Amino acid sequence: MGDPETEVVMPRLKNDLVALLLACAKGRLSNARIRTDKRAATTVFLVSGGYPGPYEKGKVIKGLDAVKDCIPFHAGTKRQGADIVTDGGRVLALTSYGRTAAAALRRSNQNARKVSFKGKYFRRDIGKDLLQGE
């Protein structure tokens, strides 16, 4: 898996990942009972302006302390003194749970709006096609 699949699938996994990997390596994965969180999960990626083309690094990220009911995965960030700054094209993945995919996506987008850095961009259309049946 890659981004954003990992950030949205792995938080729903209730099993110990290492135990599942060991079972897989030993050819015993079929004996494992894989348990998942029943809630829906969505991830919104915050990216640097210009990504996937050229982008600048070192932009101070603000608002991380305002993110609530969300798992922020740092992808292209680094600590610079007291600040967290951008250090890649894909900067942060914000994963949220909800009773439905629509509720989870609303929460991820709400949290995405709380975080700021110069050139921040995130797509508001990704995932909308999956909500047609909800």
C-alpha atoms as a PDB file:
ATOM      1  CA  MET A   1       0.000   0.000   0.000  1.00  0.00           C
ATOM      2  CA  GLY A   2       1.026   3.585  -0.458  1.00  0.00           C
ATOM      3  CA  ASP A   3      -0.327   6.974   0.514  1.00  0.00           C
ATOM      4  CA  PRO A   4      -3.141   7.609   1.376  1.00  0.00           C
ATOM      5  CA  GLU A   5      -4.216   3.967   1.573  1.00  0.00           C
ATOM      6  CA  THR A   6      -1.987   3.130   4.527  1.00  0.00           C
ATOM      7  CA  GLU A   7      -3.126   6.116   6.592  1.00  0.00           C
ATOM      8  CA  VAL A   8      -6.799   5.224   6.139  1.00  0.00           C
ATOM      9  CA  VAL A   9      -6.652   1.413   6.365  1.00  0.00           C
ATOM     10  CA  MET A  10      -4.146   0.829   9.184  1.00  0.00           C
ATOM     11  CA  PRO A  11      -5.999   2.883  11.846  1.00  0.00           C
ATOM     12  CA  ARG A  12      -9.043   0.619  11.340  1.00  0.00           C
ATOM     13  CA  LEU A  13      -6.989  -2.519  12.031  1.00  0.00           C
ATOM     14  CA  LYS A  14      -7.554  -3.734  15.599  1.00  0.00           C
ATOM     15  CA  ASN A  15      -5.088  -6.628  15.406  1.00  0.00           C
ATOM     16  CA  ASP A  16      -1.436  -6.415  16.318  1.00  0.00           C
ATOM     17  CA  LEU A  17       0.187  -5.801  12.923  1.00  0.00           C
ATOM     18  CA  VAL A  18       3.415  -7.602  13.885  1.00  0.00           C
ATOM     19  CA  ALA A  19       1.448 -10.732  14.832  1.00  0.00           C
ATOM     20  CA  LEU A  20      -0.330 -10.653  11.469  1.00  0.00           C
ATOM     21  CA  LEU A  21       2.951 -10.219   9.603  1.00  0.00           C
ATOM     22  CA  LEU A  22       4.505 -13.126  11.506  1.00  0.00           C
ATOM     23  CA  ALA A  23       1.469 -15.289  10.728  1.00  0.00           C
ATOM     24  CA  CYS A  24       1.844 -14.341   7.072  1.00  0.00           C
ATOM     25  CA  ALA A  25       5.563 -15.161   7.054  1.00  0.00           C
ATOM     26  CA  LYS A  26       4.834 -18.551   8.627  1.00  0.00           C
ATOM     27  CA  GLY A  27       2.030 -19.327   6.158  1.00  0.00           C
ATOM     28  CA  ARG A  28      -0.616 -19.163   8.880  1.00  0.00           C
ATOM     29  CA  LEU A  29      -2.477 -15.984   7.963  1.00  0.00           C
ATOM     30  CA  SER A  30      -5.562 -18.024   7.043  1.00  0.00           C
ATOM     31  CA  ASN A  31      -5.811 -18.992  10.738  1.00  0.00           C
ATOM     32  CA  ALA A  32      -5.860 -15.357  11.889  1.00  0.00           C
ATOM     33  CA  ARG A  33      -9.102 -13.565  12.651  1.00  0.00           C
ATOM     34  CA  ILE A  34      -8.618 -10.057  11.331  1.00  0.00           C
ATOM     35  CA  ARG A  35     -10.594  -7.503  13.338  1.00  0.00           C
ATOM     36  CA  THR A  36     -11.384  -4.003  12.119  1.00  0.00           C
ATOM     37  CA  ASP A  37     -12.949  -0.890  13.584  1.00  0.00           C
ATOM     38  CA  LYS A  38     -16.495  -0.674  12.218  1.00  0.00           C
ATOM     39  CA  ARG A  39     -16.329   3.097  11.813  1.00  0.00           C
ATOM     40  CA  ALA A  40     -15.527   4.607   8.445  1.00  0.00           C
ATOM     41  CA  ALA A  41     -12.203   6.402   8.066  1.00  0.00           C
ATOM     42  CA  THR A  42     -10.994   9.004   5.597  1.00  0.00           C
ATOM     43  CA  THR A  43      -7.681  10.731   5.009  1.00  0.00           C
ATOM     44  CA  VAL A  44      -7.057  14.163   3.560  1.00  0.00           C
ATOM     45  CA  PHE A  45      -3.491  14.978   2.501  1.00  0.00           C
ATOM     46  CA  LEU A  46      -2.142  18.498   2.908  1.00  0.00           C
ATOM     47  CA  VAL A  47       0.481  19.138   0.251  1.00  0.00           C
ATOM     48  CA  SER A  48       2.934  21.894  -0.580  1.00  0.00           C
ATOM     49  CA  GLY A  49       1.970  24.334  -3.308  1.00  0.00           C
ATOM     50  CA  GLY A  50       3.384  23.143  -6.631  1.00  0.00           C
ATOM     51  CA  TYR A  51       3.350  19.460  -5.661  1.00  0.00           C
ATOM     52  CA  PRO A  52       3.776  17.078  -7.498  1.00  0.00           C
ATOM     53  CA  GLY A  53       6.050  19.490  -9.343  1.00  0.00           C
ATOM     54  CA  PRO A  54       8.636  21.785  -7.741  1.00  0.00           C
ATOM     55  CA  TYR A  55       7.731  23.095  -4.282  1.00  0.00           C
ATOM     56  CA  GLU A  56       9.433  25.033  -1.515  1.00  0.00           C
ATOM     57  CA  LYS A  57      10.396  23.577   1.861  1.00  0.00           C
ATOM     58  CA  GLY A  58      10.774  25.151   5.280  1.00  0.00           C
ATOM     59  CA  LYS A  59       7.298  26.716   5.569  1.00  0.00           C
ATOM     60  CA  VAL A  60       6.186  26.975   9.221  1.00  0.00           C
ATOM     61  CA  ILE A  61       3.141  24.813   9.978  1.00  0.00           C
ATOM     62  CA  LYS A  62       0.586  26.319  12.342  1.00  0.00           C
ATOM     63  CA  GLY A  63      -2.642  25.010  13.801  1.00  0.00           C
ATOM     64  CA  LEU A  64      -1.600  21.436  14.583  1.00  0.00           C
ATOM     65  CA  ASP A  65      -2.676  21.995  18.189  1.00  0.00           C
ATOM     66  CA  ALA A  66      -6.210  22.789  16.940  1.00  0.00           C
ATOM     67  CA  VAL A  67      -6.627  19.410  15.201  1.00  0.00           C
ATOM     68  CA  LYS A  68      -9.189  17.343  17.145  1.00  0.00           C
ATOM     69  CA  ASP A  69     -10.654  13.856  16.759  1.00  0.00           C
ATOM     70  CA  CYS A  70      -8.122  13.160  14.036  1.00  0.00           C
ATOM     71  CA  ILE A  71      -4.851  11.279  13.605  1.00  0.00           C
ATOM     72  CA  PRO A  72      -2.227  13.528  11.988  1.00  0.00           C
ATOM     73  CA  PHE A  73       0.452  11.552  10.149  1.00  0.00           C
ATOM     74  CA  HIS A  74       3.598  13.562   9.482  1.00  0.00           C
ATOM     75  CA  ALA A  75       4.892  12.785   6.015  1.00  0.00           C
ATOM     76  CA  GLY A  76       6.950  15.734   4.769  1.00  0.00           C
ATOM     77  CA  THR A  77       7.667  17.620   7.994  1.00  0.00           C
ATOM     78  CA  LYS A  78      10.626  18.229  10.241  1.00  0.00           C
ATOM     79  CA  ARG A  79      11.369  20.079  13.455  1.00  0.00           C
ATOM     80  CA  GLN A  80      13.307  23.296  13.002  1.00  0.00           C
ATOM     81  CA  GLY A  81      14.006  24.863  16.380  1.00  0.00           C
ATOM     82  CA  ALA A  82      10.631  25.223  18.113  1.00  0.00           C
ATOM     83  CA  ASP A  83       8.697  24.966  14.829  1.00  0.00           C
ATOM     84  CA  ILE A  84       7.397  22.140  12.680  1.00  0.00           C
ATOM     85  CA  VAL A  85       8.081  23.013   9.034  1.00  0.00           C
ATOM     86  CA  THR A  86       7.339  21.536   5.636  1.00  0.00           C
ATOM     87  CA  ASP A  87      10.020  19.244   4.245  1.00  0.00           C
ATOM     88  CA  GLY A  88       8.288  17.449   1.397  1.00  0.00           C
ATOM     89  CA  GLY A  89       5.517  17.588  -1.154  1.00  0.00           C
ATOM     90  CA  ARG A  90       3.085  15.476   0.839  1.00  0.00           C
ATOM     91  CA  VAL A  91       3.203  17.263   4.169  1.00  0.00           C
ATOM     92  CA  LEU A  92       0.503  15.855   6.461  1.00  0.00           C
ATOM     93  CA  ALA A  93      -2.155  13.161   6.242  1.00  0.00           C
ATOM     94  CA  LEU A  94      -5.189  13.830   8.449  1.00  0.00           C
ATOM     95  CA  THR A  95      -7.191  10.684   9.179  1.00  0.00           C
ATOM     96  CA  SER A  96     -10.589  10.856  10.871  1.00  0.00           C
ATOM     97  CA  TYR A  97     -13.244   8.352  11.885  1.00  0.00           C
ATOM     98  CA  GLY A  98     -16.988   8.749  11.470  1.00  0.00           C
ATOM     99  CA  ARG A  99     -20.188   6.734  11.643  1.00  0.00           C
ATOM    100  CA  THR A 100     -20.304   7.098   7.858  1.00  0.00           C
ATOM    101  CA  ALA A 101     -17.690   7.930   5.227  1.00  0.00           C
ATOM    102  CA  ALA A 102     -19.376  11.310   4.747  1.00  0.00           C
ATOM    103  CA  ALA A 103     -19.046  12.111   8.458  1.00  0.00           C
ATOM    104  CA  ALA A 104     -15.403  11.023   8.492  1.00  0.00           C
ATOM    105  CA  LEU A 105     -14.641  13.103   5.402  1.00  0.00           C
ATOM    106  CA  ARG A 106     -16.306  16.169   6.941  1.00  0.00           C
ATOM    107  CA  ARG A 107     -14.120  15.801  10.038  1.00  0.00           C
ATOM    108  CA  SER A 108     -10.933  15.346   7.983  1.00  0.00           C
ATOM    109  CA  ASN A 109     -11.756  18.442   5.909  1.00  0.00           C
ATOM    110  CA  GLN A 110     -12.606  20.479   9.032  1.00  0.00           C
ATOM    111  CA  ASN A 111      -9.231  19.604  10.506  1.00  0.00           C
ATOM    112  CA  ALA A 112      -7.463  20.328   7.209  1.00  0.00           C
ATOM    113  CA  ARG A 113      -8.820  23.872   7.352  1.00  0.00           C
ATOM    114  CA  LYS A 114      -7.336  24.355  10.860  1.00  0.00           C
ATOM    115  CA  VAL A 115      -3.765  23.693   9.720  1.00  0.00           C
ATOM    116  CA  SER A 116      -1.919  26.380   7.814  1.00  0.00           C
ATOM    117  CA  PHE A 117       1.372  26.872   6.039  1.00  0.00           C
ATOM    118  CA  LYS A 118       2.370  29.000   3.082  1.00  0.00           C
ATOM    119  CA  GLY A 119       1.306  27.263  -0.136  1.00  0.00           C
ATOM    120  CA  LYS A 120      -0.902  24.676   1.606  1.00  0.00           C
ATOM    121  CA  TYR A 121      -3.223  22.832  -0.734  1.00  0.00           C
ATOM    122  CA  PHE A 122      -5.649  19.980  -0.291  1.00  0.00           C
ATOM    123  CA  ARG A 123      -8.230  18.550  -2.628  1.00  0.00           C
ATOM    124  CA  ARG A 124     -11.828  18.763  -1.504  1.00  0.00           C
ATOM    125  CA  ASP A 125     -13.177  16.469  -4.225  1.00  0.00           C
ATOM    126  CA  ILE A 126     -11.359  13.224  -3.439  1.00  0.00           C
ATOM    127  CA  GLY A 127     -13.673  10.669  -1.863  1.00  0.00           C
ATOM    128  CA  LYS A 128     -16.876  12.380  -2.949  1.00  0.00           C
ATOM    129  CA  ASP A 129     -17.496   9.651  -5.542  1.00  0.00           C
ATOM    130  CA  LEU A 130     -17.583   7.072  -2.741  1.00  0.00           C
ATOM    131  CA  LEU A 131     -20.335   8.962  -0.937  1.00  0.00           C
ATOM    132  CA  GLN A 132     -22.906   8.545  -3.695  1.00  0.00           C
ATOM    133  CA  GLY A 133     -24.457   5.471  -2.028  1.00  0.00           C
ATOM    134  CA  GLU A 134     -24.587   6.942   1.499  1.00  0.00           C
END
